[in-house]
Amino acid sequence: MLQQEEINKVDSILDDASGQRGILIAVLQRVQEKVGYLPEEAMKMIANRLSLSLTNVYGVASFYKHFHFKPRGKNVVKVCMGTACHVRGAKAVLTEMEAKLGIKEGETTKDLSVTLETVGCVGCCALAPVATVNDQDLYGELNPKMVDDIVSTVRSEHGTHVYSTDQHLRSRCASRQVEEGTIGKGNAPSPCLLRHGMPGFGFP
């Protein structure tokens, strides 16, 4: 059941969408961003305010894997299971991740802190095996021994970064940061982000 604060957030989103056509997907996206998932009560509010049938709203939302109807963790960890990652040991990384979190792939911890998922490919095969956190933080060249640190980092809500055992990548990242002025010469390089953000829907 939605809390009043969450109801207010949904109402505000629907107020912004008032009078706009073809706005359903954007509304679903915004509601999920604010609430964390798409509960039935919110879906009914969306259908009512947009003058759509509830069946239609659910039909659109269920078509896209991006939308979720159950509560998800504050942090979403995705282990890549693409060909390169699979060959280089992604299954072992996933198994260790499941053991450390106490959940299986597709499940969420009881405290709603972490959801564990797999993804087909994140497009970083040179760093395989890889995992992402909240579609922003990228961890590359993983092995099961690194999982403990990743889980600790996720639970402590550490900042965006990328870990790699490849010194060349670290040097390349540091050089780029100096060129961009993000760090000064002689200063220790900040953690390098090789992939940040994912495309999403928004209001026109």
C-alpha atoms as a PDB file:
ATOM      1  CA  MET A   1       0.000   0.000   0.000  1.00  0.00           C
ATOM      2  CA  LEU A   2       1.308   3.410  -0.983  1.00  0.00           C
ATOM      3  CA  GLN A   3       2.207   5.921   1.696  1.00  0.00           C
ATOM      4  CA  GLN A   4       0.709   9.391   1.451  1.00  0.00           C
ATOM      5  CA  GLU A   5       4.068  10.838   0.430  1.00  0.00           C
ATOM      6  CA  GLU A   6       4.264   8.370  -2.453  1.00  0.00           C
ATOM      7  CA  ILE A   7       0.682   9.132  -3.488  1.00  0.00           C
ATOM      8  CA  ASN A   8       1.588  12.821  -3.593  1.00  0.00           C
ATOM      9  CA  LYS A   9       4.581  12.060  -5.809  1.00  0.00           C
ATOM     10  CA  VAL A  10       2.428  10.092  -8.254  1.00  0.00           C
ATOM     11  CA  ASP A  11      -0.174  12.851  -8.282  1.00  0.00           C
ATOM     12  CA  SER A  12       2.511  15.429  -9.045  1.00  0.00           C
ATOM     13  CA  ILE A  13       3.799  13.371 -11.972  1.00  0.00           C
ATOM     14  CA  LEU A  14       0.290  12.975 -13.340  1.00  0.00           C
ATOM     15  CA  ASP A  15      -0.343  16.713 -12.949  1.00  0.00           C
ATOM     16  CA  ASP A  16       2.746  17.402 -15.092  1.00  0.00           C
ATOM     17  CA  ALA A  17       1.502  14.934 -17.715  1.00  0.00           C
ATOM     18  CA  SER A  18      -1.993  16.417 -17.895  1.00  0.00           C
ATOM     19  CA  GLY A  19      -3.133  17.144 -21.438  1.00  0.00           C
ATOM     20  CA  GLN A  20      -0.149  15.474 -23.106  1.00  0.00           C
ATOM     21  CA  ARG A  21      -0.571  12.677 -25.626  1.00  0.00           C
ATOM     22  CA  GLY A  22       1.473   9.503 -25.826  1.00  0.00           C
ATOM     23  CA  ILE A  23       2.828  10.123 -22.353  1.00  0.00           C
ATOM     24  CA  LEU A  24       2.134   6.743 -20.725  1.00  0.00           C
ATOM     25  CA  ILE A  25       5.658   5.306 -20.942  1.00  0.00           C
ATOM     26  CA  ALA A  26       7.197   8.515 -19.620  1.00  0.00           C
ATOM     27  CA  VAL A  27       4.724   8.538 -16.721  1.00  0.00           C
ATOM     28  CA  LEU A  28       5.482   4.904 -15.878  1.00  0.00           C
ATOM     29  CA  GLN A  29       9.181   5.733 -15.961  1.00  0.00           C
ATOM     30  CA  ARG A  30       8.808   8.723 -13.645  1.00  0.00           C
ATOM     31  CA  VAL A  31       6.567   6.861 -11.188  1.00  0.00           C
ATOM     32  CA  GLN A  32       9.019   3.977 -10.970  1.00  0.00           C
ATOM     33  CA  GLU A  33      11.865   6.435 -10.374  1.00  0.00           C
ATOM     34  CA  LYS A  34       9.995   8.028  -7.466  1.00  0.00           C
ATOM     35  CA  VAL A  35       8.366   4.951  -5.903  1.00  0.00           C
ATOM     36  CA  GLY A  36      10.939   2.310  -6.842  1.00  0.00           C
ATOM     37  CA  TYR A  37       8.500   0.055  -8.692  1.00  0.00           C
ATOM     38  CA  LEU A  38       4.947   0.100 -10.097  1.00  0.00           C
ATOM     39  CA  PRO A  39       2.502  -0.951  -7.351  1.00  0.00           C
ATOM     40  CA  GLU A  40      -1.103  -1.716  -8.227  1.00  0.00           C
ATOM     41  CA  GLU A  41      -2.408   1.424  -6.521  1.00  0.00           C
ATOM     42  CA  ALA A  42      -0.144   3.611  -8.636  1.00  0.00           C
ATOM     43  CA  MET A  43      -1.164   1.767 -11.800  1.00  0.00           C
ATOM     44  CA  LYS A  44      -4.832   2.443 -11.006  1.00  0.00           C
ATOM     45  CA  MET A  45      -4.066   6.135 -10.461  1.00  0.00           C
ATOM     46  CA  ILE A  46      -2.264   6.296 -13.802  1.00  0.00           C
ATOM     47  CA  ALA A  47      -5.105   4.559 -15.654  1.00  0.00           C
ATOM     48  CA  ASN A  48      -7.704   6.840 -14.084  1.00  0.00           C
ATOM     49  CA  ARG A  49      -5.881  10.121 -14.669  1.00  0.00           C
ATOM     50  CA  LEU A  50      -4.842   9.284 -18.239  1.00  0.00           C
ATOM     51  CA  SER A  51      -8.292   7.906 -19.106  1.00  0.00           C
ATOM     52  CA  LEU A  52      -6.889   4.506 -20.024  1.00  0.00           C
ATOM     53  CA  SER A  53      -8.003   1.026 -19.082  1.00  0.00           C
ATOM     54  CA  LEU A  54      -5.992  -0.667 -16.354  1.00  0.00           C
ATOM     55  CA  THR A  55      -5.450  -3.576 -18.742  1.00  0.00           C
ATOM     56  CA  ASN A  56      -3.897  -1.222 -21.278  1.00  0.00           C
ATOM     57  CA  VAL A  57      -1.562   0.316 -18.692  1.00  0.00           C
ATOM     58  CA  TYR A  58      -0.428  -3.091 -17.450  1.00  0.00           C
ATOM     59  CA  GLY A  59      -0.055  -4.292 -21.033  1.00  0.00           C
ATOM     60  CA  VAL A  60       2.356  -1.506 -21.896  1.00  0.00           C
ATOM     61  CA  ALA A  61       4.319  -1.769 -18.634  1.00  0.00           C
ATOM     62  CA  SER A  62       4.683  -5.548 -18.820  1.00  0.00           C
ATOM     63  CA  PHE A  63       6.002  -5.319 -22.388  1.00  0.00           C
ATOM     64  CA  TYR A  64       9.177  -3.576 -21.220  1.00  0.00           C
ATOM     65  CA  LYS A  65      11.637  -5.447 -19.024  1.00  0.00           C
ATOM     66  CA  HIS A  66      12.636  -2.108 -17.519  1.00  0.00           C
ATOM     67  CA  PHE A  67       9.414  -1.873 -15.484  1.00  0.00           C
ATOM     68  CA  HIS A  68       8.897  -3.809 -12.271  1.00  0.00           C
ATOM     69  CA  PHE A  69       5.777  -4.653 -10.262  1.00  0.00           C
ATOM     70  CA  LYS A  70       7.477  -5.779  -7.053  1.00  0.00           C
ATOM     71  CA  PRO A  71       9.629  -3.748  -4.644  1.00  0.00           C
ATOM     72  CA  ARG A  72      13.290  -3.663  -5.655  1.00  0.00           C
ATOM     73  CA  GLY A  73      16.422  -2.953  -3.699  1.00  0.00           C
ATOM     74  CA  LYS A  74      17.791   0.534  -3.311  1.00  0.00           C
ATOM     75  CA  ASN A  75      20.818  -0.729  -5.220  1.00  0.00           C
ATOM     76  CA  VAL A  76      20.535  -3.007  -8.253  1.00  0.00           C
ATOM     77  CA  VAL A  77      23.560  -5.172  -9.006  1.00  0.00           C
ATOM     78  CA  LYS A  78      23.685  -6.692 -12.489  1.00  0.00           C
ATOM     79  CA  VAL A  79      26.194  -9.371 -13.431  1.00  0.00           C
ATOM     80  CA  CYS A  80      26.873  -9.543 -17.159  1.00  0.00           C
ATOM     81  CA  MET A  81      26.361 -13.004 -18.628  1.00  0.00           C
ATOM     82  CA  GLY A  82      27.330 -12.167 -22.209  1.00  0.00           C
ATOM     83  CA  THR A  83      29.616 -14.502 -24.156  1.00  0.00           C
ATOM     84  CA  ALA A  84      32.896 -12.832 -23.184  1.00  0.00           C
ATOM     85  CA  CYS A  85      31.901 -12.566 -19.524  1.00  0.00           C
ATOM     86  CA  HIS A  86      30.591 -16.131 -19.449  1.00  0.00           C
ATOM     87  CA  VAL A  87      33.809 -17.534 -20.904  1.00  0.00           C
ATOM     88  CA  ARG A  88      35.903 -15.565 -18.393  1.00  0.00           C
ATOM     89  CA  GLY A  89      34.067 -16.736 -15.300  1.00  0.00           C
ATOM     90  CA  ALA A  90      30.889 -14.668 -14.863  1.00  0.00           C
ATOM     91  CA  LYS A  91      28.992 -17.694 -13.544  1.00  0.00           C
ATOM     92  CA  ALA A  92      31.431 -18.079 -10.653  1.00  0.00           C
ATOM     93  CA  VAL A  93      31.119 -14.356  -9.898  1.00  0.00           C
ATOM     94  CA  LEU A  94      27.320 -14.613  -9.886  1.00  0.00           C
ATOM     95  CA  THR A  95      27.377 -17.679  -7.647  1.00  0.00           C
ATOM     96  CA  GLU A  96      29.615 -15.905  -5.151  1.00  0.00           C
ATOM     97  CA  MET A  97      27.412 -12.786  -5.330  1.00  0.00           C
ATOM     98  CA  GLU A  98      24.351 -14.905  -4.519  1.00  0.00           C
ATOM     99  CA  ALA A  99      26.161 -16.467  -1.572  1.00  0.00           C
ATOM    100  CA  LYS A 100      27.336 -13.129  -0.140  1.00  0.00           C
ATOM    101  CA  LEU A 101      23.937 -11.461  -0.518  1.00  0.00           C
ATOM    102  CA  GLY A 102      21.943 -14.507   0.565  1.00  0.00           C
ATOM    103  CA  ILE A 103      19.629 -14.309  -2.445  1.00  0.00           C
ATOM    104  CA  LYS A 104      19.325 -15.803  -5.915  1.00  0.00           C
ATOM    105  CA  GLU A 105      19.462 -13.969  -9.227  1.00  0.00           C
ATOM    106  CA  GLY A 106      16.218 -12.045  -9.708  1.00  0.00           C
ATOM    107  CA  GLU A 107      15.624 -11.677  -5.957  1.00  0.00           C
ATOM    108  CA  THR A 108      15.874  -8.784  -3.489  1.00  0.00           C
ATOM    109  CA  THR A 109      17.316  -8.834   0.017  1.00  0.00           C
ATOM    110  CA  LYS A 110      14.758  -8.705   2.830  1.00  0.00           C
ATOM    111  CA  ASP A 111      15.920  -5.235   3.893  1.00  0.00           C
ATOM    112  CA  LEU A 112      15.342  -4.004   0.304  1.00  0.00           C
ATOM    113  CA  SER A 113      18.939  -2.825   0.077  1.00  0.00           C
ATOM    114  CA  VAL A 114      20.047  -4.888  -2.931  1.00  0.00           C
ATOM    115  CA  THR A 115      18.448  -6.572  -5.944  1.00  0.00           C
ATOM    116  CA  LEU A 116      20.591  -9.034  -7.905  1.00  0.00           C
ATOM    117  CA  GLU A 117      20.040  -9.469 -11.638  1.00  0.00           C
ATOM    118  CA  THR A 118      21.840 -10.656 -14.746  1.00  0.00           C
ATOM    119  CA  VAL A 119      22.128  -8.822 -18.046  1.00  0.00           C
ATOM    120  CA  GLY A 120      22.892 -10.040 -21.560  1.00  0.00           C
ATOM    121  CA  CYS A 121      25.716  -7.604 -22.308  1.00  0.00           C
ATOM    122  CA  VAL A 122      26.838  -4.168 -21.123  1.00  0.00           C
ATOM    123  CA  GLY A 123      29.204  -3.584 -24.040  1.00  0.00           C
ATOM    124  CA  CYS A 124      32.466  -3.734 -22.077  1.00  0.00           C
ATOM    125  CA  CYS A 125      33.757  -7.108 -23.272  1.00  0.00           C
ATOM    126  CA  ALA A 126      37.424  -6.051 -22.955  1.00  0.00           C
ATOM    127  CA  LEU A 127      36.895  -5.829 -19.185  1.00  0.00           C
ATOM    128  CA  ALA A 128      35.036  -9.140 -18.847  1.00  0.00           C
ATOM    129  CA  PRO A 129      33.703 -10.360 -16.570  1.00  0.00           C
ATOM    130  CA  VAL A 130      31.895  -7.207 -15.451  1.00  0.00           C
ATOM    131  CA  ALA A 131      29.074  -6.139 -13.165  1.00  0.00           C
ATOM    132  CA  THR A 132      27.217  -2.855 -12.788  1.00  0.00           C
ATOM    133  CA  VAL A 133      25.550  -1.132  -9.866  1.00  0.00           C
ATOM    134  CA  ASN A 134      22.451   0.979 -10.566  1.00  0.00           C
ATOM    135  CA  ASP A 135      23.412   1.043 -14.272  1.00  0.00           C
ATOM    136  CA  GLN A 136      26.124   3.543 -13.391  1.00  0.00           C
ATOM    137  CA  ASP A 137      29.045   1.989 -11.536  1.00  0.00           C
ATOM    138  CA  LEU A 138      31.089  -0.503 -13.519  1.00  0.00           C
ATOM    139  CA  TYR A 139      33.328  -3.194 -12.027  1.00  0.00           C
ATOM    140  CA  GLY A 140      35.627  -4.931 -14.502  1.00  0.00           C
ATOM    141  CA  GLU A 141      37.932  -7.956 -14.661  1.00  0.00           C
ATOM    142  CA  LEU A 142      36.104  -9.559 -11.756  1.00  0.00           C
ATOM    143  CA  ASN A 143      36.773 -12.784  -9.932  1.00  0.00           C
ATOM    144  CA  PRO A 144      34.922 -14.359  -6.992  1.00  0.00           C
ATOM    145  CA  LYS A 145      37.468 -13.003  -4.493  1.00  0.00           C
ATOM    146  CA  MET A 146      36.471  -9.422  -5.422  1.00  0.00           C
ATOM    147  CA  VAL A 147      32.787  -9.951  -4.704  1.00  0.00           C
ATOM    148  CA  ASP A 148      33.093  -9.338  -0.962  1.00  0.00           C
ATOM    149  CA  ASP A 149      34.491  -5.840  -1.552  1.00  0.00           C
ATOM    150  CA  ILE A 150      31.790  -5.036  -4.099  1.00  0.00           C
ATOM    151  CA  VAL A 151      29.012  -6.100  -1.746  1.00  0.00           C
ATOM    152  CA  SER A 152      30.534  -4.025   1.071  1.00  0.00           C
ATOM    153  CA  THR A 153      30.806  -1.038  -1.256  1.00  0.00           C
ATOM    154  CA  VAL A 154      27.210  -1.357  -2.408  1.00  0.00           C
ATOM    155  CA  ARG A 155      25.898  -1.595   1.139  1.00  0.00           C
ATOM    156  CA  SER A 156      27.955   1.429   2.213  1.00  0.00           C
ATOM    157  CA  GLU A 157      26.630   3.452  -0.764  1.00  0.00           C
ATOM    158  CA  HIS A 158      30.094   4.385  -1.985  1.00  0.00           C
ATOM    159  CA  GLY A 159      30.499   6.830  -4.869  1.00  0.00           C
ATOM    160  CA  THR A 160      30.618   6.007  -8.564  1.00  0.00           C
ATOM    161  CA  HIS A 161      33.806   4.305  -9.633  1.00  0.00           C
ATOM    162  CA  VAL A 162      35.345   1.438 -11.585  1.00  0.00           C
ATOM    163  CA  TYR A 163      37.742  -1.202 -10.318  1.00  0.00           C
ATOM    164  CA  SER A 164      40.115  -2.988 -12.682  1.00  0.00           C
ATOM    165  CA  THR A 165      43.221  -5.075 -12.139  1.00  0.00           C
ATOM    166  CA  ASP A 166      44.649  -3.773 -15.407  1.00  0.00           C
ATOM    167  CA  GLN A 167      47.300  -1.147 -14.572  1.00  0.00           C
ATOM    168  CA  HIS A 168      47.206   0.112 -18.160  1.00  0.00           C
ATOM    169  CA  LEU A 169      43.548   1.039 -17.759  1.00  0.00           C
ATOM    170  CA  ARG A 170      44.278   2.807 -14.474  1.00  0.00           C
ATOM    171  CA  SER A 171      47.098   4.804 -16.098  1.00  0.00           C
ATOM    172  CA  ARG A 172      44.955   5.637 -19.114  1.00  0.00           C
ATOM    173  CA  CYS A 173      42.148   6.850 -16.862  1.00  0.00           C
ATOM    174  CA  ALA A 174      44.534   8.953 -14.767  1.00  0.00           C
ATOM    175  CA  SER A 175      46.037  10.548 -17.880  1.00  0.00           C
ATOM    176  CA  ARG A 176      42.585  11.389 -19.197  1.00  0.00           C
ATOM    177  CA  GLN A 177      41.623  12.975 -15.890  1.00  0.00           C
ATOM    178  CA  VAL A 178      44.751  15.159 -15.956  1.00  0.00           C
ATOM    179  CA  GLU A 179      43.975  16.245 -19.521  1.00  0.00           C
ATOM    180  CA  GLU A 180      40.376  17.043 -18.570  1.00  0.00           C
ATOM    181  CA  GLY A 181      41.500  18.906 -15.483  1.00  0.00           C
ATOM    182  CA  THR A 182      39.549  16.673 -13.119  1.00  0.00           C
ATOM    183  CA  ILE A 183      42.742  16.099 -11.107  1.00  0.00           C
ATOM    184  CA  GLY A 184      45.942  18.083 -10.861  1.00  0.00           C
ATOM    185  CA  LYS A 185      49.389  16.801 -11.682  1.00  0.00           C
ATOM    186  CA  GLY A 186      50.922  15.100  -8.695  1.00  0.00           C
ATOM    187  CA  ASN A 187      47.547  14.346  -7.140  1.00  0.00           C
ATOM    188  CA  ALA A 188      46.241  10.830  -6.779  1.00  0.00           C
ATOM    189  CA  PRO A 189      43.720  10.035  -9.549  1.00  0.00           C
ATOM    190  CA  SER A 190      40.110   9.774  -8.517  1.00  0.00           C
ATOM    191  CA  PRO A 191      38.354   6.477  -9.316  1.00  0.00           C
ATOM    192  CA  CYS A 192      37.812   6.317 -13.068  1.00  0.00           C
ATOM    193  CA  LEU A 193      34.344   5.853 -14.495  1.00  0.00           C
ATOM    194  CA  LEU A 194      34.351   4.045 -17.838  1.00  0.00           C
ATOM    195  CA  ARG A 195      30.589   3.830 -18.187  1.00  0.00           C
ATOM    196  CA  HIS A 196      28.011   6.100 -16.580  1.00  0.00           C
ATOM    197  CA  GLY A 197      24.262   6.251 -17.009  1.00  0.00           C
ATOM    198  CA  MET A 198      21.839   4.480 -19.255  1.00  0.00           C
ATOM    199  CA  PRO A 199      19.349   5.911 -21.746  1.00  0.00           C
ATOM    200  CA  GLY A 200      15.819   6.313 -20.446  1.00  0.00           C
ATOM    201  CA  PHE A 201      12.496   7.900 -21.157  1.00  0.00           C
ATOM    202  CA  GLY A 202      11.603  11.454 -20.249  1.00  0.00           C
ATOM    203  CA  PHE A 203       8.882  13.969 -20.779  1.00  0.00           C
ATOM    204  CA  PRO A 204       8.998  15.687 -24.175  1.00  0.00           C
END
